[in-house]
């Protein structure tokens, strides 16, 4: 399971995460005008040199500037987190964003693409068009990352860094509905990540705001990680991962037992005059086998 931590802008911050066992470290290019930052490039090289994966968010949308940024930094992943949903919860025109994905794949085939899929905060009532976004992006993305959609996003035009918990039910539906890996993000902390993984069964877990250090006002300080919180986050993810592995082993044993029962039932059927209740039992076993196989498939990504 992938453990990912944002926003890592310096070698010192990267070192905290690497020592804690983080797999993917995410960084941000904040300005389209000042996109060339040698210290950030050094940070990305340090991450890669330690055998970890770097992920880079450009907080701008001009294609040529994004290409220049990727050419300069050379991250393992580029992460696009545009807000694709209006205040009326309507999906924006996706074509320019899809074309950008295709362009990156053509010009930078060595760089993977992460696309944030907006989901409402926990307790949302009503429908939300997340699958309308996920379906067209899936063929041109390598990883999806959930994040919390709010009407007044902290960074205009982009989703993320709200610290608010995403709707886990919808996140689970996204995991079930696509073939590519989904990293769960949106309000994850050491306190809730274990429950979140058990509920959603994603391919990874991401934290930004709630693993930051706190300032004198008690609020998270952007770009400054709390090493203790990061270590605890990693530990909780690994514990949940082990729980899921045990669950998978239990299901695999159950599956073998069910298949054996099915074989016995089918072998016991008379050559003629099969009774309806005998067929019903077989159908119920087949349905149960299908359900168990489906859950095992979800657990295979963990």
Protein backbone atom coordinates (compact mmCIF):
# COMPACT_ATOMS: atom_id res chain seq x y z
CA UNK A 1 0.00 0.00 0.00
CA UNK A 2 1.27 3.44 -0.95
CA UNK A 3 1.83 5.97 1.82
CA UNK A 4 1.96 9.47 0.39
CA UNK A 5 2.71 12.76 2.15
CA UNK A 6 2.34 16.33 0.82
CA UNK A 7 3.63 19.16 0.70
CA UNK A 8 7.39 18.49 0.80
CA UNK A 9 9.42 21.46 -0.44
CA UNK A 10 12.89 21.06 1.11
CA UNK A 11 15.43 18.27 1.65
CA UNK A 12 14.99 18.64 5.41
CA UNK A 13 11.25 17.98 5.18
CA UNK A 14 11.86 15.11 2.75
CA UNK A 15 14.29 13.51 5.18
CA UNK A 16 11.62 13.40 7.90
CA UNK A 17 9.28 11.50 5.60
CA UNK A 18 11.89 9.15 4.19
CA UNK A 19 13.01 8.17 7.69
CA UNK A 20 9.37 7.54 8.63
CA UNK A 21 8.90 5.12 5.72
CA UNK A 22 6.82 7.23 3.33
CA UNK A 23 6.66 5.82 -0.22
CA UNK A 24 5.53 8.82 -2.30
CA UNK A 25 6.49 12.40 -1.41
CA UNK A 26 4.53 15.20 -3.04
CA UNK A 27 5.70 18.73 -3.78
CA UNK A 28 4.06 21.83 -5.23
CA UNK A 29 5.12 24.49 -7.72
CA UNK A 30 3.15 27.48 -6.50
CA UNK A 31 3.87 30.11 -9.14
CA UNK A 32 3.73 30.06 -12.91
CA UNK A 33 6.12 33.03 -12.95
CA UNK A 34 8.64 31.55 -10.52
CA UNK A 35 8.47 27.89 -11.43
CA UNK A 36 12.21 27.22 -11.50
CA UNK A 37 13.26 26.56 -7.87
CA UNK A 38 16.68 24.88 -7.47
CA UNK A 39 15.98 23.88 -3.85
CA UNK A 40 12.81 22.06 -4.89
CA UNK A 41 14.68 20.30 -7.68
CA UNK A 42 17.28 19.22 -5.13
CA UNK A 43 14.46 17.91 -2.93
CA UNK A 44 13.04 15.81 -5.76
CA UNK A 45 16.47 14.39 -6.59
CA UNK A 46 16.96 13.50 -2.93
CA UNK A 47 13.60 11.69 -2.85
CA UNK A 48 14.44 9.72 -5.97
CA UNK A 49 17.96 8.97 -4.73
CA UNK A 50 16.45 7.42 -1.60
CA UNK A 51 14.43 5.02 -3.74
CA UNK A 52 11.11 6.80 -3.14
CA UNK A 53 8.70 8.30 -5.66
CA UNK A 54 8.24 12.02 -6.19
CA UNK A 55 4.95 13.62 -7.18
CA UNK A 56 4.70 17.22 -8.38
CA UNK A 57 1.66 19.50 -8.49
CA UNK A 58 1.88 22.52 -10.81
CA UNK A 59 -0.62 25.10 -9.54
CA UNK A 60 -1.20 26.50 -13.02
CA UNK A 61 -2.79 25.24 -16.20
CA UNK A 62 -0.87 26.63 -19.20
CA UNK A 63 0.34 23.62 -21.15
CA UNK A 64 3.75 24.92 -22.27
CA UNK A 65 4.63 26.08 -18.76
CA UNK A 66 3.66 22.68 -17.38
CA UNK A 67 5.89 21.00 -19.97
CA UNK A 68 8.83 23.26 -19.03
CA UNK A 69 8.23 22.49 -15.37
CA UNK A 70 8.23 18.73 -15.94
CA UNK A 71 11.34 18.93 -18.09
CA UNK A 72 13.17 20.88 -15.36
CA UNK A 73 12.16 18.81 -12.33
CA UNK A 74 11.76 15.33 -13.83
CA UNK A 75 9.38 13.95 -11.16
CA UNK A 76 8.12 10.38 -11.11
CA UNK A 77 4.53 11.65 -11.24
CA UNK A 78 2.79 14.85 -12.21
CA UNK A 79 -0.32 15.44 -10.14
CA UNK A 80 -3.21 17.47 -11.54
CA UNK A 81 -5.74 18.65 -8.98
CA UNK A 82 -7.92 21.11 -10.87
CA UNK A 83 -11.38 21.78 -9.46
CA UNK A 84 -13.57 20.27 -12.17
CA UNK A 85 -16.93 20.83 -10.45
CA UNK A 86 -18.83 24.12 -10.31
CA UNK A 87 -20.57 25.49 -7.22
CA UNK A 88 -23.77 24.04 -8.70
CA UNK A 89 -22.08 20.60 -8.68
CA UNK A 90 -21.90 20.48 -12.46
CA UNK A 91 -18.90 19.03 -14.30
CA UNK A 92 -16.86 21.53 -16.26
CA UNK A 93 -15.69 20.96 -19.82
CA UNK A 94 -13.09 18.20 -19.41
CA UNK A 95 -11.66 18.26 -22.93
CA UNK A 96 -8.76 20.71 -22.25
CA UNK A 97 -7.69 18.68 -19.22
CA UNK A 98 -7.91 15.39 -21.11
CA UNK A 99 -5.79 16.87 -23.90
CA UNK A 100 -3.21 17.92 -21.31
CA UNK A 101 -3.02 14.34 -19.99
CA UNK A 102 -2.55 13.03 -23.53
CA UNK A 103 0.15 15.60 -24.21
CA UNK A 104 2.08 14.67 -21.07
CA UNK A 105 1.88 10.99 -21.98
CA UNK A 106 3.21 11.74 -25.47
CA UNK A 107 6.05 14.07 -24.47
CA UNK A 108 6.94 12.61 -21.07
CA UNK A 109 6.14 8.86 -21.23
CA UNK A 110 8.45 8.24 -18.26
CA UNK A 111 6.30 10.42 -15.97
CA UNK A 112 3.13 8.93 -14.48
CA UNK A 113 -0.05 10.99 -14.18
CA UNK A 114 -2.07 11.37 -11.00
CA UNK A 115 -5.51 12.98 -11.29
CA UNK A 116 -7.43 14.23 -8.27
CA UNK A 117 -11.08 13.21 -8.30
CA UNK A 118 -13.22 15.66 -6.30
CA UNK A 119 -15.57 14.17 -3.74
CA UNK A 120 -17.81 16.00 -1.26
CA UNK A 121 -17.02 16.24 2.42
CA UNK A 122 -18.26 13.64 4.90
CA UNK A 123 -22.01 13.81 5.53
CA UNK A 124 -22.85 15.05 2.05
CA UNK A 125 -26.46 14.65 1.02
CA UNK A 126 -27.40 14.10 -2.59
CA UNK A 127 -25.61 13.01 -5.74
CA UNK A 128 -22.16 14.13 -6.80
CA UNK A 129 -20.73 13.65 -10.33
CA UNK A 130 -17.41 12.02 -9.46
CA UNK A 131 -17.81 9.08 -11.86
CA UNK A 132 -18.59 11.50 -14.69
CA UNK A 133 -15.07 12.80 -14.14
CA UNK A 134 -13.34 9.49 -13.43
CA UNK A 135 -14.54 7.58 -16.49
CA UNK A 136 -13.02 9.82 -19.20
CA UNK A 137 -9.81 10.36 -17.22
CA UNK A 138 -9.15 6.69 -16.46
CA UNK A 139 -7.62 5.79 -19.87
CA UNK A 140 -5.16 8.71 -19.66
CA UNK A 141 -4.25 8.49 -15.95
CA UNK A 142 -2.08 6.14 -13.91
CA UNK A 143 -3.45 6.88 -10.44
CA UNK A 144 -6.55 8.59 -9.07
CA UNK A 145 -6.45 10.48 -5.79
CA UNK A 146 -9.61 11.45 -3.96
CA UNK A 147 -9.80 14.89 -2.41
CA UNK A 148 -12.39 16.98 -0.66
CA UNK A 149 -14.44 19.35 -2.79
CA UNK A 150 -15.70 22.51 -1.12
CA UNK A 151 -17.38 25.55 -2.63
CA UNK A 152 -14.72 27.96 -1.34
CA UNK A 153 -11.52 26.04 -2.08
CA UNK A 154 -8.35 27.28 -0.28
CA UNK A 155 -6.49 27.62 -3.61
CA UNK A 156 -8.75 29.07 -6.30
CA UNK A 157 -9.27 26.66 -9.18
CA UNK A 158 -7.82 23.64 -7.38
CA UNK A 159 -8.97 21.13 -4.77
CA UNK A 160 -7.10 20.02 -1.68
CA UNK A 161 -5.53 21.16 1.62
CA UNK A 162 -8.93 21.63 3.28
CA UNK A 163 -8.28 19.26 6.18
CA UNK A 164 -11.90 18.12 5.81
CA UNK A 165 -12.77 14.44 5.62
CA UNK A 166 -13.90 13.17 2.25
CA UNK A 167 -17.04 11.05 1.90
CA UNK A 168 -15.74 7.50 2.40
CA UNK A 169 -18.81 5.84 0.90
CA UNK A 170 -18.28 7.67 -2.38
CA UNK A 171 -14.55 6.99 -2.22
CA UNK A 172 -15.30 3.28 -1.91
CA UNK A 173 -17.55 3.44 -4.96
CA UNK A 174 -14.74 5.08 -6.91
CA UNK A 175 -12.34 2.29 -5.90
CA UNK A 176 -14.88 -0.31 -7.01
CA UNK A 177 -15.74 1.53 -10.22
CA UNK A 178 -12.29 1.92 -11.81
CA UNK A 179 -9.39 -0.36 -12.72
CA UNK A 180 -6.48 1.96 -11.93
CA UNK A 181 -5.17 2.44 -8.35
CA UNK A 182 -6.92 4.96 -6.11
CA UNK A 183 -5.07 6.76 -3.33
CA UNK A 184 -7.42 7.92 -0.60
CA UNK A 185 -6.90 11.53 0.48
CA UNK A 186 -9.01 14.22 2.06
CA UNK A 187 -8.87 14.88 5.78
CA UNK A 188 -6.77 11.84 6.67
CA UNK A 189 -4.86 11.85 9.94
CA UNK A 190 -3.15 9.26 12.15
CA UNK A 191 -6.41 9.07 14.10
CA UNK A 192 -8.72 8.11 11.22
CA UNK A 193 -6.59 6.58 8.48
CA UNK A 194 -6.92 3.01 9.78
CA UNK A 195 -10.71 3.14 9.75
CA UNK A 196 -10.64 4.85 6.35
CA UNK A 197 -8.54 2.10 4.78
CA UNK A 198 -10.75 -0.62 6.24
CA UNK A 199 -13.85 1.13 4.88
CA UNK A 200 -12.61 2.18 1.43
CA UNK A 201 -9.87 -0.41 0.68
CA UNK A 202 -7.80 1.93 -1.51
CA UNK A 203 -4.38 1.33 -3.04
CA UNK A 204 -2.85 4.00 -0.83
CA UNK A 205 -3.41 6.75 1.72
CA UNK A 206 -2.33 10.38 1.53
CA UNK A 207 -2.04 13.11 4.13
CA UNK A 208 -1.16 16.77 3.95
CA UNK A 209 -2.83 19.20 6.33
CA UNK A 210 -3.35 16.87 9.29
CA UNK A 211 0.28 15.76 9.46
CA UNK A 212 1.56 19.34 9.48
CA UNK A 213 3.09 21.01 12.51
CA UNK A 214 0.86 23.41 14.42
CA UNK A 215 1.59 27.10 14.80
CA UNK A 216 1.11 29.23 17.93
CA UNK A 217 -2.55 29.66 16.96
CA UNK A 218 -3.06 25.88 16.94
CA UNK A 219 -3.58 25.76 13.18
CA UNK A 220 -1.58 23.59 10.75
CA UNK A 221 1.44 25.34 9.24
CA UNK A 222 1.74 24.74 5.52
CA UNK A 223 4.97 23.10 4.25
CA UNK A 224 6.12 22.12 7.75
CA UNK A 225 5.61 18.48 8.72
CA UNK A 226 5.32 17.10 12.23
CA UNK A 227 7.73 14.15 12.16
CA UNK A 228 5.85 12.38 14.96
CA UNK A 229 2.53 12.65 13.15
CA UNK A 230 4.08 11.38 9.93
CA UNK A 231 5.57 8.35 11.71
CA UNK A 232 2.24 7.63 13.38
CA UNK A 233 0.40 7.98 10.07
CA UNK A 234 2.74 5.48 8.42
CA UNK A 235 2.38 3.08 11.35
CA UNK A 236 -1.42 3.22 11.23
CA UNK A 237 -1.43 2.59 7.48
CA UNK A 238 0.85 -0.42 7.86
CA UNK A 239 -1.30 -1.83 10.67
CA UNK A 240 -4.41 -1.48 8.52
CA UNK A 241 -2.57 -3.08 5.64
CA UNK A 242 -1.74 -6.12 7.77
CA UNK A 243 -5.38 -6.35 8.87
CA UNK A 244 -6.46 -6.34 5.23
CA UNK A 245 -3.91 -9.02 4.36
CA UNK A 246 -5.29 -11.23 7.12
CA UNK A 247 -8.79 -10.59 5.82
CA UNK A 248 -7.68 -11.61 2.33
CA UNK A 249 -6.22 -14.87 3.63
CA UNK A 250 -9.47 -15.63 5.46
CA UNK A 251 -11.48 -14.96 2.32
CA UNK A 252 -9.22 -17.15 0.19
CA UNK A 253 -9.78 -20.04 2.60
CA UNK A 254 -13.52 -19.35 2.59
CA UNK A 255 -13.49 -19.33 -1.21
CA UNK A 256 -11.89 -22.76 -1.38
CA UNK A 257 -14.47 -24.12 1.07
CA UNK A 258 -17.33 -22.66 -0.97
CA UNK A 259 -15.96 -24.09 -4.21
CA UNK A 260 -15.63 -27.50 -2.59
CA UNK A 261 -19.24 -27.28 -1.39
CA UNK A 262 -20.30 -26.34 -4.92
CA UNK A 263 -18.46 -29.30 -6.44
CA UNK A 264 -20.06 -31.65 -3.93
CA UNK A 265 -23.54 -30.26 -4.59
CA UNK A 266 -23.11 -30.53 -8.35
CA UNK A 267 -21.77 -34.08 -8.08
CA UNK A 268 -24.76 -35.05 -5.95
CA UNK A 269 -27.33 -33.90 -8.51
CA UNK A 270 -29.34 -36.79 -9.93
CA UNK A 271 -29.12 -37.43 -13.65
CA UNK A 272 -32.85 -36.82 -13.96
CA UNK A 273 -35.57 -35.03 -12.02
CA UNK A 274 -33.45 -32.32 -10.43
CA UNK A 275 -35.51 -30.60 -7.77
CA UNK A 276 -35.86 -26.80 -7.68
CA UNK A 277 -34.45 -26.48 -4.17
CA UNK A 278 -31.28 -28.29 -5.26
CA UNK A 279 -30.71 -25.76 -8.04
CA UNK A 280 -31.48 -22.91 -5.65
CA UNK A 281 -28.76 -24.04 -3.24
CA UNK A 282 -26.27 -24.20 -6.11
CA UNK A 283 -27.24 -20.71 -7.31
CA UNK A 284 -26.81 -19.32 -3.79
CA UNK A 285 -23.34 -20.87 -3.55
CA UNK A 286 -22.40 -19.40 -6.93
CA UNK A 287 -23.57 -15.95 -5.82
CA UNK A 288 -21.58 -16.20 -2.60
CA UNK A 289 -18.48 -17.31 -4.50
CA UNK A 290 -18.83 -14.32 -6.83
CA UNK A 291 -19.12 -11.91 -3.88
CA UNK A 292 -16.06 -13.36 -2.15
CA UNK A 293 -14.02 -13.25 -5.36
CA UNK A 294 -14.98 -9.61 -5.81
CA UNK A 295 -13.80 -8.69 -2.31
CA UNK A 296 -10.54 -10.59 -2.79
CA UNK A 297 -9.92 -8.67 -6.00
CA UNK A 298 -10.33 -5.37 -4.15
CA UNK A 299 -7.93 -6.50 -1.44
CA UNK A 300 -5.26 -7.49 -3.98
CA UNK A 301 -4.33 -3.82 -4.47
CA UNK A 302 -3.53 -3.36 -0.77
